[in-house]
Amino acid sequence: MKRSKFVLATASIVAGLGLLKLAKVKLIKEEIKTSKKFLTQDGNLVEIDIDKIQSKGHKVSLTELKNWVFRKSH
């Protein structure tokens, strides 16, 4: 086998492996999410199924968020 054919074959294999890795990452990203994480009023993180959420609401402002979260007093 000539050197140029060897280099071409090696480059083809490396490129093919790169494409396979890219396709695998893309498939992982396309998984359908069935739940979403939310922060409760007392500061706990909970995971809720998407089909249990009724509708989209309005975006909460930073000041509303600061007033909504209860601070734990020690």
C-alpha atoms as a PDB file:
ATOM      1  CA  MET A   1       0.000   0.000   0.000  1.00  0.00           C
ATOM      2  CA  LYS A   2       1.355   3.392  -0.920  1.00  0.00           C
ATOM      3  CA  ARG A   3       1.849   6.076   1.655  1.00  0.00           C
ATOM      4  CA  SER A   4      -0.796   8.356   0.101  1.00  0.00           C
ATOM      5  CA  LYS A   5      -3.419   5.583   0.179  1.00  0.00           C
ATOM      6  CA  PHE A   6      -2.544   4.851   3.797  1.00  0.00           C
ATOM      7  CA  VAL A   7      -2.921   8.515   4.772  1.00  0.00           C
ATOM      8  CA  LEU A   8      -6.210   8.756   2.880  1.00  0.00           C
ATOM      9  CA  ALA A   9      -7.567   5.590   4.511  1.00  0.00           C
ATOM     10  CA  THR A  10      -6.545   6.783   7.985  1.00  0.00           C
ATOM     11  CA  ALA A  11      -8.120  10.194   7.402  1.00  0.00           C
ATOM     12  CA  SER A  12     -11.326   8.514   6.202  1.00  0.00           C
ATOM     13  CA  ILE A  13     -11.528   6.330   9.298  1.00  0.00           C
ATOM     14  CA  VAL A  14     -10.925   9.275  11.650  1.00  0.00           C
ATOM     15  CA  ALA A  15     -13.547  11.372   9.839  1.00  0.00           C
ATOM     16  CA  GLY A  16     -16.052   8.500   9.959  1.00  0.00           C
ATOM     17  CA  LEU A  17     -15.538   8.045  13.686  1.00  0.00           C
ATOM     18  CA  GLY A  18     -16.032  11.777  14.188  1.00  0.00           C
ATOM     19  CA  LEU A  19     -19.301  11.691  12.267  1.00  0.00           C
ATOM     20  CA  LEU A  20     -20.526   8.720  14.298  1.00  0.00           C
ATOM     21  CA  LYS A  21     -19.754  10.539  17.531  1.00  0.00           C
ATOM     22  CA  LEU A  22     -21.557  13.657  16.269  1.00  0.00           C
ATOM     23  CA  ALA A  23     -24.624  11.605  15.296  1.00  0.00           C
ATOM     24  CA  LYS A  24     -24.663   9.920  18.709  1.00  0.00           C
ATOM     25  CA  VAL A  25     -24.557  13.277  20.518  1.00  0.00           C
ATOM     26  CA  LYS A  26     -27.347  14.597  18.308  1.00  0.00           C
ATOM     27  CA  LEU A  27     -29.535  11.571  19.060  1.00  0.00           C
ATOM     28  CA  ILE A  28     -29.006  11.999  22.791  1.00  0.00           C
ATOM     29  CA  LYS A  29     -30.050  15.657  22.595  1.00  0.00           C
ATOM     30  CA  GLU A  30     -33.243  14.732  20.716  1.00  0.00           C
ATOM     31  CA  GLU A  31     -34.602  12.588  23.551  1.00  0.00           C
ATOM     32  CA  ILE A  32     -38.078  13.684  24.539  1.00  0.00           C
ATOM     33  CA  LYS A  33     -38.214  15.223  27.989  1.00  0.00           C
ATOM     34  CA  THR A  34     -41.187  14.101  30.058  1.00  0.00           C
ATOM     35  CA  SER A  35     -40.545  16.180  33.165  1.00  0.00           C
ATOM     36  CA  LYS A  36     -39.358  19.634  34.145  1.00  0.00           C
ATOM     37  CA  LYS A  37     -37.653  20.936  37.283  1.00  0.00           C
ATOM     38  CA  PHE A  38     -39.191  23.738  39.346  1.00  0.00           C
ATOM     39  CA  LEU A  39     -38.270  25.595  42.520  1.00  0.00           C
ATOM     40  CA  THR A  40     -40.934  25.522  45.236  1.00  0.00           C
ATOM     41  CA  GLN A  41     -41.804  28.499  47.402  1.00  0.00           C
ATOM     42  CA  ASP A  42     -39.816  27.121  50.341  1.00  0.00           C
ATOM     43  CA  GLY A  43     -36.692  26.640  48.175  1.00  0.00           C
ATOM     44  CA  ASN A  44     -36.906  22.911  47.320  1.00  0.00           C
ATOM     45  CA  LEU A  45     -36.236  21.666  43.798  1.00  0.00           C
ATOM     46  CA  VAL A  46     -39.001  19.369  42.487  1.00  0.00           C
ATOM     47  CA  GLU A  47     -39.482  17.514  39.205  1.00  0.00           C
ATOM     48  CA  ILE A  48     -42.968  17.592  37.646  1.00  0.00           C
ATOM     49  CA  ASP A  49     -44.318  15.686  34.631  1.00  0.00           C
ATOM     50  CA  ILE A  50     -44.936  18.008  31.698  1.00  0.00           C
ATOM     51  CA  ASP A  51     -48.435  16.609  31.094  1.00  0.00           C
ATOM     52  CA  LYS A  52     -49.448  17.736  34.625  1.00  0.00           C
ATOM     53  CA  ILE A  53     -48.714  21.398  33.820  1.00  0.00           C
ATOM     54  CA  GLN A  54     -51.906  23.135  32.702  1.00  0.00           C
ATOM     55  CA  SER A  55     -50.752  26.205  30.774  1.00  0.00           C
ATOM     56  CA  LYS A  56     -47.919  28.618  30.326  1.00  0.00           C
ATOM     57  CA  GLY A  57     -47.952  31.676  32.545  1.00  0.00           C
ATOM     58  CA  HIS A  58     -46.191  35.001  32.386  1.00  0.00           C
ATOM     59  CA  LYS A  59     -42.482  35.444  32.997  1.00  0.00           C
ATOM     60  CA  VAL A  60     -41.667  36.345  36.589  1.00  0.00           C
ATOM     61  CA  SER A  61     -39.583  39.442  37.188  1.00  0.00           C
ATOM     62  CA  LEU A  62     -36.555  39.410  39.474  1.00  0.00           C
ATOM     63  CA  THR A  63     -38.279  41.547  42.124  1.00  0.00           C
ATOM     64  CA  GLU A  64     -41.324  39.243  42.131  1.00  0.00           C
ATOM     65  CA  LEU A  65     -39.029  36.273  42.565  1.00  0.00           C
ATOM     66  CA  LYS A  66     -37.179  37.865  45.479  1.00  0.00           C
ATOM     67  CA  ASN A  67     -40.483  38.608  47.239  1.00  0.00           C
ATOM     68  CA  TRP A  68     -41.936  35.161  46.492  1.00  0.00           C
ATOM     69  CA  VAL A  69     -39.195  32.925  47.920  1.00  0.00           C
ATOM     70  CA  PHE A  70     -39.442  32.541  51.684  1.00  0.00           C
ATOM     71  CA  ARG A  71     -36.188  32.975  53.540  1.00  0.00           C
ATOM     72  CA  LYS A  72     -35.455  30.388  56.202  1.00  0.00           C
ATOM     73  CA  SER A  73     -34.687  31.965  59.533  1.00  0.00           C
ATOM     74  CA  HIS A  74     -32.148  30.140  61.665  1.00  0.00           C
END
